[in-house]
């Protein structure tokens, strides 16, 4: 009986650790990214027309999801793990990731995506 209880205790500890790991917010920095420039680019691209974005003047759109705390989210677009590479991929080619979704292809270059992702990861 003690052995079974010990085994159950170990199993519960493992499940608890796994659950905590799944809910840990990503803590990413994007190598070579400039968050200040990314913030400017989000204004230039008009991201606030569709999204509510902290730190972007007038960004109160409600077509897309609010980007509040996107730096803490586990997924991007509901399908990609929230990693710098995936966030940059989504920013550059949202229609390839989820065809027919509401986010248009904006012509964002890789350096621009790197900067925008850097800014988005400051939103925690």
PDB file of N, CA and C in Angstrom:
ATOM      1  N   UNK A   1       0.821  -1.194   0.000  1.00  0.00           N
ATOM      2  CA  UNK A   1       0.000   0.000   0.000  1.00  0.00           C
ATOM      3  C   UNK A   1       0.868   1.263   0.000  1.00  0.00           C
ATOM      4  N   UNK A   2       1.944   1.262   0.831  1.00  0.00           N
ATOM      5  CA  UNK A   2       2.828   2.426   0.870  1.00  0.00           C
ATOM      6  C   UNK A   2       3.491   2.643  -0.474  1.00  0.00           C
ATOM      7  N   UNK A   3       3.831   1.547  -1.134  1.00  0.00           N
ATOM      8  CA  UNK A   3       4.484   1.635  -2.438  1.00  0.00           C
ATOM      9  C   UNK A   3       3.531   2.258  -3.466  1.00  0.00           C
ATOM     10  N   UNK A   4       2.274   1.855  -3.440  1.00  0.00           N
ATOM     11  CA  UNK A   4       1.283   2.412  -4.359  1.00  0.00           C
ATOM     12  C   UNK A   4       1.064   3.898  -4.085  1.00  0.00           C
ATOM     13  N   UNK A   5       0.992   4.262  -2.813  1.00  0.00           N
ATOM     14  CA  UNK A   5       0.807   5.659  -2.444  1.00  0.00           C
ATOM     15  C   UNK A   5       2.009   6.493  -2.897  1.00  0.00           C
ATOM     16  N   UNK A   6       3.203   5.944  -2.737  1.00  0.00           N
ATOM     17  CA  UNK A   6       4.408   6.640  -3.160  1.00  0.00           C
ATOM     18  C   UNK A   6       4.404   6.824  -4.685  1.00  0.00           C
ATOM     19  N   UNK A   7       4.014   5.777  -5.389  1.00  0.00           N
ATOM     20  CA  UNK A   7       3.938   5.853  -6.852  1.00  0.00           C
ATOM     21  C   UNK A   7       2.931   6.899  -7.299  1.00  0.00           C
ATOM     22  N   UNK A   8       1.785   6.951  -6.627  1.00  0.00           N
ATOM     23  CA  UNK A   8       0.762   7.936  -6.946  1.00  0.00           C
ATOM     24  C   UNK A   8       1.286   9.349  -6.679  1.00  0.00           C
ATOM     25  N   UNK A   9       1.983   9.508  -5.575  1.00  0.00           N
ATOM     26  CA  UNK A   9       2.553  10.803  -5.230  1.00  0.00           C
ATOM     27  C   UNK A   9       3.556  11.259  -6.291  1.00  0.00           C
ATOM     28  N   UNK A  10       4.409  10.339  -6.755  1.00  0.00           N
ATOM     29  CA  UNK A  10       5.368  10.670  -7.811  1.00  0.00           C
ATOM     30  C   UNK A  10       4.655  11.047  -9.105  1.00  0.00           C
ATOM     31  N   UNK A  11       3.620  10.293  -9.440  1.00  0.00           N
ATOM     32  CA  UNK A  11       2.862  10.575 -10.658  1.00  0.00           C
ATOM     33  C   UNK A  11       2.212  11.954 -10.581  1.00  0.00           C
ATOM     34  N   UNK A  12       1.614  12.281  -9.441  1.00  0.00           N
ATOM     35  CA  UNK A  12       0.987  13.589  -9.278  1.00  0.00           C
ATOM     36  C   UNK A  12       2.016  14.714  -9.353  1.00  0.00           C
ATOM     37  N   UNK A  13       3.173  14.495  -8.773  1.00  0.00           N
ATOM     38  CA  UNK A  13       4.243  15.499  -8.841  1.00  0.00           C
ATOM     39  C   UNK A  13       4.670  15.712 -10.284  1.00  0.00           C
ATOM     40  N   UNK A  14       4.759  14.637 -11.046  1.00  0.00           N
ATOM     41  CA  UNK A  14       5.133  14.752 -12.461  1.00  0.00           C
ATOM     42  C   UNK A  14       4.086  15.494 -13.263  1.00  0.00           C
ATOM     43  N   UNK A  15       2.813  15.194 -13.013  1.00  0.00           N
ATOM     44  CA  UNK A  15       1.722  15.878 -13.712  1.00  0.00           C
ATOM     45  C   UNK A  15       1.726  17.360 -13.355  1.00  0.00           C
ATOM     46  N   UNK A  16       1.947  17.661 -12.086  1.00  0.00           N
ATOM     47  CA  UNK A  16       1.983  19.051 -11.647  1.00  0.00           C
ATOM     48  C   UNK A  16       3.132  19.804 -12.315  1.00  0.00           C
ATOM     49  N   UNK A  17       4.302  19.183 -12.372  1.00  0.00           N
ATOM     50  CA  UNK A  17       5.457  19.824 -13.006  1.00  0.00           C
ATOM     51  C   UNK A  17       5.196  20.047 -14.495  1.00  0.00           C
ATOM     52  N   UNK A  18       4.573  19.064 -15.146  1.00  0.00           N
ATOM     53  CA  UNK A  18       4.261  19.192 -16.561  1.00  0.00           C
ATOM     54  C   UNK A  18       3.255  20.319 -16.788  1.00  0.00           C
ATOM     55  N   UNK A  19       2.238  20.375 -15.941  1.00  0.00           N
ATOM     56  CA  UNK A  19       1.237  21.440 -16.072  1.00  0.00           C
ATOM     57  C   UNK A  19       1.881  22.806 -15.886  1.00  0.00           C
ATOM     58  N   UNK A  20       2.783  22.939 -14.924  1.00  0.00           N
ATOM     59  CA  UNK A  20       3.460  24.212 -14.712  1.00  0.00           C
ATOM     60  C   UNK A  20       4.320  24.564 -15.915  1.00  0.00           C
ATOM     61  N   UNK A  21       5.013  23.591 -16.466  1.00  0.00           N
ATOM     62  CA  UNK A  21       5.877  23.841 -17.624  1.00  0.00           C
ATOM     63  C   UNK A  21       5.051  24.300 -18.818  1.00  0.00           C
ATOM     64  N   UNK A  22       3.873  23.727 -19.005  1.00  0.00           N
ATOM     65  CA  UNK A  22       3.016  24.118 -20.127  1.00  0.00           C
ATOM     66  C   UNK A  22       2.492  25.537 -19.965  1.00  0.00           C
ATOM     67  N   UNK A  23       2.329  25.990 -18.741  1.00  0.00           N
ATOM     68  CA  UNK A  23       1.753  27.296 -18.505  1.00  0.00           C
ATOM     69  C   UNK A  23       2.799  28.366 -18.223  1.00  0.00           C
ATOM     70  N   UNK A  24       4.075  27.993 -18.299  1.00  0.00           N
ATOM     71  CA  UNK A  24       5.123  28.984 -18.113  1.00  0.00           C
ATOM     72  C   UNK A  24       5.121  29.907 -19.325  1.00  0.00           C
ATOM     73  N   UNK A  25       5.080  31.191 -19.098  1.00  0.00           N
ATOM     74  CA  UNK A  25       5.111  32.096 -20.243  1.00  0.00           C
ATOM     75  C   UNK A  25       6.462  32.042 -20.931  1.00  0.00           C
ATOM     76  N   UNK A  26       6.468  32.134 -22.251  1.00  0.00           N
ATOM     77  CA  UNK A  26       7.743  32.175 -22.938  1.00  0.00           C
ATOM     78  C   UNK A  26       8.478  33.466 -22.575  1.00  0.00           C
ATOM     79  N   UNK A  27       9.751  33.375 -22.465  1.00  0.00           N
ATOM     80  CA  UNK A  27      10.568  34.559 -22.165  1.00  0.00           C
ATOM     81  C   UNK A  27      11.586  34.684 -23.284  1.00  0.00           C
ATOM     82  N   UNK A  28      11.193  35.340 -24.357  1.00  0.00           N
ATOM     83  CA  UNK A  28      12.026  35.377 -25.541  1.00  0.00           C
ATOM     84  C   UNK A  28      12.597  36.752 -25.797  1.00  0.00           C
ATOM     85  N   UNK A  29      13.800  36.728 -26.286  1.00  0.00           N
ATOM     86  CA  UNK A  29      14.401  37.899 -26.892  1.00  0.00           C
ATOM     87  C   UNK A  29      14.700  37.482 -28.323  1.00  0.00           C
ATOM     88  N   UNK A  30      14.514  38.368 -29.229  1.00  0.00           N
ATOM     89  CA  UNK A  30      14.746  38.064 -30.630  1.00  0.00           C
ATOM     90  C   UNK A  30      16.125  38.598 -31.001  1.00  0.00           C
ATOM     91  N   UNK A  31      17.081  37.705 -31.269  1.00  0.00           N
ATOM     92  CA  UNK A  31      18.436  38.162 -31.606  1.00  0.00           C
ATOM     93  C   UNK A  31      18.417  39.135 -32.786  1.00  0.00           C
ATOM     94  N   UNK A  32      19.064  40.260 -32.589  1.00  0.00           N
ATOM     95  CA  UNK A  32      19.141  41.264 -33.651  1.00  0.00           C
ATOM     96  C   UNK A  32      17.908  42.130 -33.774  1.00  0.00           C
ATOM     97  N   UNK A  33      16.903  41.891 -32.946  1.00  0.00           N
ATOM     98  CA  UNK A  33      15.678  42.679 -33.020  1.00  0.00           C
ATOM     99  C   UNK A  33      15.775  43.954 -32.210  1.00  0.00           C
ATOM    100  N   UNK A  34      15.058  44.963 -32.653  1.00  0.00           N
ATOM    101  CA  UNK A  34      15.029  46.263 -31.985  1.00  0.00           C
ATOM    102  C   UNK A  34      13.572  46.562 -31.630  1.00  0.00           C
ATOM    103  N   UNK A  35      13.223  46.406 -30.357  1.00  0.00           N
ATOM    104  CA  UNK A  35      11.842  46.585 -29.916  1.00  0.00           C
ATOM    105  C   UNK A  35      11.333  48.000 -30.193  1.00  0.00           C
ATOM    106  N   UNK A  36      12.193  48.993 -30.024  1.00  0.00           N
ATOM    107  CA  UNK A  36      11.781  50.379 -30.292  1.00  0.00           C
ATOM    108  C   UNK A  36      11.390  50.544 -31.758  1.00  0.00           C
ATOM    109  N   UNK A  37      12.216  50.004 -32.621  1.00  0.00           N
ATOM    110  CA  UNK A  37      11.916  50.077 -34.066  1.00  0.00           C
ATOM    111  C   UNK A  37      10.662  49.262 -34.386  1.00  0.00           C
ATOM    112  N   UNK A  38      10.512  48.122 -33.730  1.00  0.00           N
ATOM    113  CA  UNK A  38       9.320  47.302 -33.946  1.00  0.00           C
ATOM    114  C   UNK A  38       8.038  48.029 -33.594  1.00  0.00           C
ATOM    115  N   UNK A  39       8.098  48.785 -32.516  1.00  0.00           N
ATOM    116  CA  UNK A  39       6.925  49.589 -32.110  1.00  0.00           C
ATOM    117  C   UNK A  39       6.594  50.602 -33.194  1.00  0.00           C
ATOM    118  N   UNK A  40       7.613  51.263 -33.726  1.00  0.00           N
ATOM    119  CA  UNK A  40       7.405  52.230 -34.811  1.00  0.00           C
ATOM    120  C   UNK A  40       6.816  51.544 -36.048  1.00  0.00           C
ATOM    121  N   UNK A  41       7.356  50.377 -36.380  1.00  0.00           N
ATOM    122  CA  UNK A  41       6.874  49.655 -37.555  1.00  0.00           C
ATOM    123  C   UNK A  41       5.412  49.249 -37.417  1.00  0.00           C
ATOM    124  N   UNK A  42       5.017  48.882 -36.211  1.00  0.00           N
ATOM    125  CA  UNK A  42       3.612  48.503 -36.011  1.00  0.00           C
ATOM    126  C   UNK A  42       2.700  49.692 -36.290  1.00  0.00           C
ATOM    127  N   UNK A  43       3.155  50.884 -35.931  1.00  0.00           N
ATOM    128  CA  UNK A  43       2.399  52.080 -36.279  1.00  0.00           C
ATOM    129  C   UNK A  43       2.407  52.321 -37.781  1.00  0.00           C
ATOM    130  N   UNK A  44       3.572  52.162 -38.404  1.00  0.00           N
ATOM    131  CA  UNK A  44       3.697  52.379 -39.847  1.00  0.00           C
ATOM    132  C   UNK A  44       2.830  51.410 -40.651  1.00  0.00           C
ATOM    133  N   UNK A  45       2.781  50.147 -40.220  1.00  0.00           N
ATOM    134  CA  UNK A  45       1.996  49.139 -40.935  1.00  0.00           C
ATOM    135  C   UNK A  45       0.506  49.225 -40.612  1.00  0.00           C
ATOM    136  N   UNK A  46       0.139  50.046 -39.640  1.00  0.00           N
ATOM    137  CA  UNK A  46      -1.276  50.196 -39.299  1.00  0.00           C
ATOM    138  C   UNK A  46      -1.850  49.008 -38.540  1.00  0.00           C
ATOM    139  N   UNK A  47      -1.013  48.321 -37.788  1.00  0.00           N
ATOM    140  CA  UNK A  47      -1.478  47.131 -37.052  1.00  0.00           C
ATOM    141  C   UNK A  47      -2.621  47.455 -36.092  1.00  0.00           C
ATOM    142  N   UNK A  48      -2.627  48.692 -35.578  1.00  0.00           N
ATOM    143  CA  UNK A  48      -3.668  49.107 -34.639  1.00  0.00           C
ATOM    144  C   UNK A  48      -5.026  49.306 -35.266  1.00  0.00           C
ATOM    145  N   UNK A  49      -5.113  49.262 -36.589  1.00  0.00           N
ATOM    146  CA  UNK A  49      -6.423  49.326 -37.232  1.00  0.00           C
ATOM    147  C   UNK A  49      -7.223  48.059 -36.968  1.00  0.00           C
ATOM    148  N   UNK A  50      -6.519  46.965 -36.742  1.00  0.00           N
ATOM    149  CA  UNK A  50      -7.183  45.684 -36.503  1.00  0.00           C
ATOM    150  C   UNK A  50      -6.984  45.152 -35.089  1.00  0.00           C
ATOM    151  N   UNK A  51      -5.927  45.586 -34.418  1.00  0.00           N
ATOM    152  CA  UNK A  51      -5.588  45.064 -33.090  1.00  0.00           C
ATOM    153  C   UNK A  51      -5.537  46.177 -32.058  1.00  0.00           C
ATOM    154  N   UNK A  52      -5.920  45.854 -30.841  1.00  0.00           N
ATOM    155  CA  UNK A  52      -5.622  46.725 -29.702  1.00  0.00           C
ATOM    156  C   UNK A  52      -4.204  46.369 -29.263  1.00  0.00           C
ATOM    157  N   UNK A  53      -3.335  47.380 -29.206  1.00  0.00           N
ATOM    158  CA  UNK A  53      -1.927  47.131 -28.908  1.00  0.00           C
ATOM    159  C   UNK A  53      -1.439  48.134 -27.872  1.00  0.00           C
ATOM    160  N   UNK A  54      -1.041  47.651 -26.693  1.00  0.00           N
ATOM    161  CA  UNK A  54      -0.496  48.566 -25.696  1.00  0.00           C
ATOM    162  C   UNK A  54       0.748  49.280 -26.239  1.00  0.00           C
ATOM    163  N   UNK A  55       0.829  50.575 -25.970  1.00  0.00           N
ATOM    164  CA  UNK A  55       1.995  51.345 -26.365  1.00  0.00           C
ATOM    165  C   UNK A  55       1.928  51.921 -27.763  1.00  0.00           C
ATOM    166  N   UNK A  56       0.884  51.593 -28.513  1.00  0.00           N
ATOM    167  CA  UNK A  56       0.732  52.128 -29.866  1.00  0.00           C
ATOM    168  C   UNK A  56      -0.452  53.089 -29.854  1.00  0.00           C
ATOM    169  N   UNK A  57      -0.188  54.359 -30.095  1.00  0.00           N
ATOM    170  CA  UNK A  57      -1.239  55.377 -30.061  1.00  0.00           C
ATOM    171  C   UNK A  57      -2.370  55.041 -31.037  1.00  0.00           C
ATOM    172  N   UNK A  58      -3.581  55.078 -30.539  1.00  0.00           N
ATOM    173  CA  UNK A  58      -4.762  54.853 -31.367  1.00  0.00           C
ATOM    174  C   UNK A  58      -4.999  53.402 -31.764  1.00  0.00           C
ATOM    175  N   UNK A  59      -4.197  52.480 -31.256  1.00  0.00           N
ATOM    176  CA  UNK A  59      -4.337  51.061 -31.633  1.00  0.00           C
ATOM    177  C   UNK A  59      -5.445  50.423 -30.791  1.00  0.00           C
ATOM    178  N   UNK A  60      -6.679  50.603 -31.281  1.00  0.00           N
ATOM    179  CA  UNK A  60      -7.835  50.079 -30.560  1.00  0.00           C
ATOM    180  C   UNK A  60      -8.708  49.203 -31.448  1.00  0.00           C
ATOM    181  N   UNK A  61      -8.124  48.663 -32.508  1.00  0.00           N
ATOM    182  CA  UNK A  61      -8.892  47.832 -33.428  1.00  0.00           C
ATOM    183  C   UNK A  61      -9.418  46.581 -32.748  1.00  0.00           C
ATOM    184  N   UNK A  62     -10.516  46.060 -33.278  1.00  0.00           N
ATOM    185  CA  UNK A  62     -11.063  44.820 -32.718  1.00  0.00           C
ATOM    186  C   UNK A  62     -11.415  43.803 -33.797  1.00  0.00           C
ATOM    187  N   UNK A  63     -10.761  43.903 -34.931  1.00  0.00           N
ATOM    188  CA  UNK A  63     -10.922  42.896 -35.981  1.00  0.00           C
ATOM    189  C   UNK A  63     -10.127  41.655 -35.600  1.00  0.00           C
ATOM    190  N   UNK A  64      -8.868  41.869 -35.225  1.00  0.00           N
ATOM    191  CA  UNK A  64      -8.011  40.782 -34.750  1.00  0.00           C
ATOM    192  C   UNK A  64      -7.976  40.803 -33.235  1.00  0.00           C
ATOM    193  N   UNK A  65      -7.340  39.813 -32.634  1.00  0.00           N
ATOM    194  CA  UNK A  65      -7.289  39.768 -31.172  1.00  0.00           C
ATOM    195  C   UNK A  65      -6.426  40.889 -30.602  1.00  0.00           C
ATOM    196  N   UNK A  66      -6.724  41.304 -29.379  1.00  0.00           N
ATOM    197  CA  UNK A  66      -5.837  42.277 -28.740  1.00  0.00           C
ATOM    198  C   UNK A  66      -4.467  41.641 -28.522  1.00  0.00           C
ATOM    199  N   UNK A  67      -3.433  42.426 -28.653  1.00  0.00           N
ATOM    200  CA  UNK A  67      -2.074  41.896 -28.507  1.00  0.00           C
ATOM    201  C   UNK A  67      -1.523  42.096 -27.096  1.00  0.00           C
ATOM    202  N   UNK A  68      -2.399  42.476 -26.199  1.00  0.00           N
ATOM    203  CA  UNK A  68      -2.036  42.597 -24.792  1.00  0.00           C
ATOM    204  C   UNK A  68      -1.467  41.276 -24.305  1.00  0.00           C
ATOM    205  N   UNK A  69      -0.323  41.325 -23.663  1.00  0.00           N
ATOM    206  CA  UNK A  69       0.338  40.159 -23.070  1.00  0.00           C
ATOM    207  C   UNK A  69       0.665  39.053 -24.077  1.00  0.00           C
ATOM    208  N   UNK A  70       0.867  39.395 -25.327  1.00  0.00           N
ATOM    209  CA  UNK A  70       1.237  38.365 -26.305  1.00  0.00           C
ATOM    210  C   UNK A  70       2.578  37.729 -25.938  1.00  0.00           C
ATOM    211  N   UNK A  71       3.415  38.451 -25.217  1.00  0.00           N
ATOM    212  CA  UNK A  71       4.689  37.895 -24.773  1.00  0.00           C
ATOM    213  C   UNK A  71       4.525  36.760 -23.775  1.00  0.00           C
ATOM    214  N   UNK A  72       3.349  36.641 -23.170  1.00  0.00           N
ATOM    215  CA  UNK A  72       3.066  35.567 -22.216  1.00  0.00           C
ATOM    216  C   UNK A  72       2.293  34.406 -22.835  1.00  0.00           C
ATOM    217  N   UNK A  73       1.841  34.558 -24.046  1.00  0.00           N
ATOM    218  CA  UNK A  73       0.983  33.531 -24.646  1.00  0.00           C
ATOM    219  C   UNK A  73       1.786  32.313 -25.090  1.00  0.00           C
ATOM    220  N   UNK A  74       1.128  31.175 -25.065  1.00  0.00           N
ATOM    221  CA  UNK A  74       1.763  29.917 -25.445  1.00  0.00           C
ATOM    222  C   UNK A  74       1.701  29.721 -26.960  1.00  0.00           C
ATOM    223  N   UNK A  75       0.628  30.212 -27.594  1.00  0.00           N
ATOM    224  CA  UNK A  75       0.457  30.017 -29.033  1.00  0.00           C
ATOM    225  C   UNK A  75       0.323  31.339 -29.769  1.00  0.00           C
ATOM    226  N   UNK A  76       0.707  31.324 -31.027  1.00  0.00           N
ATOM    227  CA  UNK A  76       0.496  32.423 -31.965  1.00  0.00           C
ATOM    228  C   UNK A  76      -0.519  31.920 -32.974  1.00  0.00           C
ATOM    229  N   UNK A  77      -1.537  32.705 -33.225  1.00  0.00           N
ATOM    230  CA  UNK A  77      -2.585  32.358 -34.186  1.00  0.00           C
ATOM    231  C   UNK A  77      -3.306  31.067 -33.817  1.00  0.00           C
ATOM    232  N   UNK A  78      -3.178  30.648 -32.595  1.00  0.00           N
ATOM    233  CA  UNK A  78      -3.867  29.450 -32.131  1.00  0.00           C
ATOM    234  C   UNK A  78      -3.277  28.144 -32.622  1.00  0.00           C
ATOM    235  N   UNK A  79      -2.228  28.195 -33.441  1.00  0.00           N
ATOM    236  CA  UNK A  79      -1.685  26.961 -34.019  1.00  0.00           C
ATOM    237  C   UNK A  79      -0.171  26.810 -33.910  1.00  0.00           C
ATOM    238  N   UNK A  80       0.542  27.901 -33.702  1.00  0.00           N
ATOM    239  CA  UNK A  80       2.002  27.848 -33.639  1.00  0.00           C
ATOM    240  C   UNK A  80       2.464  28.089 -32.209  1.00  0.00           C
ATOM    241  N   UNK A  81       3.441  27.295 -31.744  1.00  0.00           N
ATOM    242  CA  UNK A  81       4.049  27.588 -30.442  1.00  0.00           C
ATOM    243  C   UNK A  81       4.635  28.989 -30.514  1.00  0.00           C
ATOM    244  N   UNK A  82       4.529  29.720 -29.452  1.00  0.00           N
ATOM    245  CA  UNK A  82       5.018  31.093 -29.414  1.00  0.00           C
ATOM    246  C   UNK A  82       6.535  31.093 -29.241  1.00  0.00           C
ATOM    247  N   UNK A  83       7.224  31.045 -30.366  1.00  0.00           N
ATOM    248  CA  UNK A  83       8.679  31.146 -30.409  1.00  0.00           C
ATOM    249  C   UNK A  83       9.023  32.310 -31.341  1.00  0.00           C
ATOM    250  N   UNK A  84      10.215  32.867 -31.222  1.00  0.00           N
ATOM    251  CA  UNK A  84      10.581  33.954 -32.129  1.00  0.00           C
ATOM    252  C   UNK A  84      10.448  33.566 -33.605  1.00  0.00           C
ATOM    253  N   UNK A  85      10.891  32.373 -33.942  1.00  0.00           N
ATOM    254  CA  UNK A  85      10.819  31.941 -35.342  1.00  0.00           C
ATOM    255  C   UNK A  85       9.369  31.856 -35.816  1.00  0.00           C
ATOM    256  N   UNK A  86       8.511  31.286 -35.000  1.00  0.00           N
ATOM    257  CA  UNK A  86       7.105  31.145 -35.394  1.00  0.00           C
ATOM    258  C   UNK A  86       6.386  32.484 -35.439  1.00  0.00           C
ATOM    259  N   UNK A  87       6.671  33.357 -34.484  1.00  0.00           N
ATOM    260  CA  UNK A  87       6.038  34.669 -34.502  1.00  0.00           C
ATOM    261  C   UNK A  87       6.467  35.444 -35.739  1.00  0.00           C
ATOM    262  N   UNK A  88       7.749  35.377 -36.069  1.00  0.00           N
ATOM    263  CA  UNK A  88       8.227  36.053 -37.271  1.00  0.00           C
ATOM    264  C   UNK A  88       7.588  35.447 -38.520  1.00  0.00           C
ATOM    265  N   UNK A  89       7.467  34.128 -38.561  1.00  0.00           N
ATOM    266  CA  UNK A  89       6.816  33.460 -39.703  1.00  0.00           C
ATOM    267  C   UNK A  89       5.380  33.954 -39.859  1.00  0.00           C
ATOM    268  N   UNK A  90       4.664  34.017 -38.726  1.00  0.00           N
ATOM    269  CA  UNK A  90       3.275  34.483 -38.756  1.00  0.00           C
ATOM    270  C   UNK A  90       3.195  35.924 -39.255  1.00  0.00           C
ATOM    271  N   UNK A  91       4.065  36.782 -38.752  1.00  0.00           N
ATOM    272  CA  UNK A  91       4.048  38.186 -39.162  1.00  0.00           C
ATOM    273  C   UNK A  91       4.307  38.341 -40.660  1.00  0.00           C
ATOM    274  N   UNK A  92       5.194  37.526 -41.203  1.00  0.00           N
ATOM    275  CA  UNK A  92       5.540  37.635 -42.614  1.00  0.00           C
ATOM    276  C   UNK A  92       4.532  36.950 -43.529  1.00  0.00           C
ATOM    277  N   UNK A  93       3.990  35.831 -43.106  1.00  0.00           N
ATOM    278  CA  UNK A  93       3.148  35.040 -44.015  1.00  0.00           C
ATOM    279  C   UNK A  93       1.934  34.439 -43.315  1.00  0.00           C
ATOM    280  N   UNK A  94       1.045  35.279 -42.774  1.00  0.00           N
ATOM    281  CA  UNK A  94      -0.101  34.738 -42.042  1.00  0.00           C
ATOM    282  C   UNK A  94      -1.022  33.874 -42.903  1.00  0.00           C
ATOM    283  N   UNK A  95      -1.109  34.157 -44.184  1.00  0.00           N
ATOM    284  CA  UNK A  95      -2.000  33.374 -45.048  1.00  0.00           C
ATOM    285  C   UNK A  95      -1.423  32.000 -45.364  1.00  0.00           C
ATOM    286  N   UNK A  96      -0.120  31.858 -45.297  1.00  0.00           N
ATOM    287  CA  UNK A  96       0.476  30.529 -45.466  1.00  0.00           C
ATOM    288  C   UNK A  96       0.272  29.692 -44.218  1.00  0.00           C
ATOM    289  N   UNK A  97       0.300  30.345 -43.051  1.00  0.00           N
ATOM    290  CA  UNK A  97       0.146  29.621 -41.785  1.00  0.00           C
ATOM    291  C   UNK A  97      -1.296  29.177 -41.604  1.00  0.00           C
ATOM    292  N   UNK A  98      -2.239  30.099 -41.786  1.00  0.00           N
ATOM    293  CA  UNK A  98      -3.664  29.785 -41.644  1.00  0.00           C
ATOM    294  C   UNK A  98      -4.391  30.414 -42.831  1.00  0.00           C
ATOM    295  N   UNK A  99      -4.508  29.677 -43.929  1.00  0.00           N
ATOM    296  CA  UNK A  99      -5.154  30.224 -45.121  1.00  0.00           C
ATOM    297  C   UNK A  99      -6.572  30.723 -44.825  1.00  0.00           C
ATOM    298  N   UNK A 100      -6.858  31.920 -45.351  1.00  0.00           N
ATOM    299  CA  UNK A 100      -8.195  32.476 -45.213  1.00  0.00           C
ATOM    300  C   UNK A 100      -8.443  33.227 -43.913  1.00  0.00           C
ATOM    301  N   UNK A 101      -7.449  33.313 -43.040  1.00  0.00           N
ATOM    302  CA  UNK A 101      -7.661  34.065 -41.795  1.00  0.00           C
ATOM    303  C   UNK A 101      -7.740  35.557 -42.112  1.00  0.00           C
ATOM    304  N   UNK A 102      -8.105  36.361 -41.131  1.00  0.00           N
ATOM    305  CA  UNK A 102      -8.335  37.786 -41.343  1.00  0.00           C
ATOM    306  C   UNK A 102      -7.094  38.644 -41.457  1.00  0.00           C
ATOM    307  N   UNK A 103      -5.918  38.101 -41.180  1.00  0.00           N
ATOM    308  CA  UNK A 103      -4.702  38.921 -41.238  1.00  0.00           C
ATOM    309  C   UNK A 103      -4.114  38.887 -42.648  1.00  0.00           C
ATOM    310  N   UNK A 104      -3.987  40.064 -43.251  1.00  0.00           N
ATOM    311  CA  UNK A 104      -3.455  40.102 -44.623  1.00  0.00           C
ATOM    312  C   UNK A 104      -1.940  39.968 -44.659  1.00  0.00           C
ATOM    313  N   UNK A 105      -1.453  39.565 -45.804  1.00  0.00           N
ATOM    314  CA  UNK A 105      -0.016  39.602 -46.064  1.00  0.00           C
ATOM    315  C   UNK A 105       0.338  41.084 -46.192  1.00  0.00           C
ATOM    316  N   UNK A 106       1.249  41.558 -45.338  1.00  0.00           N
ATOM    317  CA  UNK A 106       1.571  42.984 -45.293  1.00  0.00           C
ATOM    318  C   UNK A 106       2.890  43.324 -45.984  1.00  0.00           C
ATOM    319  N   UNK A 107       3.599  42.321 -46.476  1.00  0.00           N
ATOM    320  CA  UNK A 107       4.894  42.584 -47.094  1.00  0.00           C
ATOM    321  C   UNK A 107       5.981  42.867 -46.075  1.00  0.00           C
ATOM    322  N   UNK A 108       5.840  42.312 -44.888  1.00  0.00           N
ATOM    323  CA  UNK A 108       6.816  42.516 -43.824  1.00  0.00           C
ATOM    324  C   UNK A 108       8.071  41.709 -44.132  1.00  0.00           C
ATOM    325  N   UNK A 109       9.210  42.373 -44.118  1.00  0.00           N
ATOM    326  CA  UNK A 109      10.484  41.710 -44.394  1.00  0.00           C
ATOM    327  C   UNK A 109      10.965  40.973 -43.143  1.00  0.00           C
ATOM    328  N   UNK A 110      11.983  40.145 -43.306  1.00  0.00           N
ATOM    329  CA  UNK A 110      12.525  39.435 -42.149  1.00  0.00           C
ATOM    330  C   UNK A 110      13.075  40.393 -41.092  1.00  0.00           C
ATOM    331  N   UNK A 111      13.883  41.398 -41.465  1.00  0.00           N
ATOM    332  CA  UNK A 111      14.357  42.333 -40.432  1.00  0.00           C
ATOM    333  C   UNK A 111      13.212  43.070 -39.734  1.00  0.00           C
ATOM    334  N   UNK A 112      12.191  43.445 -40.486  1.00  0.00           N
ATOM    335  CA  UNK A 112      11.040  44.105 -39.882  1.00  0.00           C
ATOM    336  C   UNK A 112      10.301  43.156 -38.932  1.00  0.00           C
ATOM    337  N   UNK A 113      10.122  41.909 -39.342  1.00  0.00           N
ATOM    338  CA  UNK A 113       9.457  40.920 -38.491  1.00  0.00           C
ATOM    339  C   UNK A 113      10.254  40.707 -37.208  1.00  0.00           C
ATOM    340  N   UNK A 114      11.563  40.722 -37.317  1.00  0.00           N
ATOM    341  CA  UNK A 114      12.436  40.559 -36.146  1.00  0.00           C
ATOM    342  C   UNK A 114      12.213  41.714 -35.161  1.00  0.00           C
ATOM    343  N   UNK A 115      12.125  42.933 -35.686  1.00  0.00           N
ATOM    344  CA  UNK A 115      11.907  44.096 -34.829  1.00  0.00           C
ATOM    345  C   UNK A 115      10.498  44.083 -34.221  1.00  0.00           C
ATOM    346  N   UNK A 116       9.502  43.764 -35.026  1.00  0.00           N
ATOM    347  CA  UNK A 116       8.122  43.723 -34.526  1.00  0.00           C
ATOM    348  C   UNK A 116       7.984  42.637 -33.455  1.00  0.00           C
ATOM    349  N   UNK A 117       8.553  41.484 -33.717  1.00  0.00           N
ATOM    350  CA  UNK A 117       8.505  40.404 -32.715  1.00  0.00           C
ATOM    351  C   UNK A 117       9.191  40.845 -31.430  1.00  0.00           C
ATOM    352  N   UNK A 118      10.301  41.548 -31.545  1.00  0.00           N
ATOM    353  CA  UNK A 118      10.993  42.056 -30.354  1.00  0.00           C
ATOM    354  C   UNK A 118      10.069  42.946 -29.536  1.00  0.00           C
ATOM    355  N   UNK A 119       9.327  43.815 -30.205  1.00  0.00           N
ATOM    356  CA  UNK A 119       8.382  44.671 -29.482  1.00  0.00           C
ATOM    357  C   UNK A 119       7.256  43.839 -28.856  1.00  0.00           C
ATOM    358  N   UNK A 120       6.710  42.917 -29.627  1.00  0.00           N
ATOM    359  CA  UNK A 120       5.597  42.117 -29.108  1.00  0.00           C
ATOM    360  C   UNK A 120       6.006  41.332 -27.866  1.00  0.00           C
ATOM    361  N   UNK A 121       7.246  40.873 -27.807  1.00  0.00           N
ATOM    362  CA  UNK A 121       7.697  40.130 -26.631  1.00  0.00           C
ATOM    363  C   UNK A 121       7.887  41.019 -25.407  1.00  0.00           C
ATOM    364  N   UNK A 122       7.822  42.341 -25.579  1.00  0.00           N
ATOM    365  CA  UNK A 122       7.857  43.220 -24.404  1.00  0.00           C
ATOM    366  C   UNK A 122       6.470  43.307 -23.762  1.00  0.00           C
ATOM    367  N   UNK A 123       5.447  42.882 -24.478  1.00  0.00           N
ATOM    368  CA  UNK A 123       4.068  42.970 -23.967  1.00  0.00           C
ATOM    369  C   UNK A 123       3.780  41.763 -23.113  1.00  0.00           C
ATOM    370  N   UNK A 124       3.996  41.921 -21.806  1.00  0.00           N
ATOM    371  CA  UNK A 124       3.852  40.816 -20.843  1.00  0.00           C
ATOM    372  C   UNK A 124       2.949  41.239 -19.718  1.00  0.00           C
TER     373      UNK A 124
END
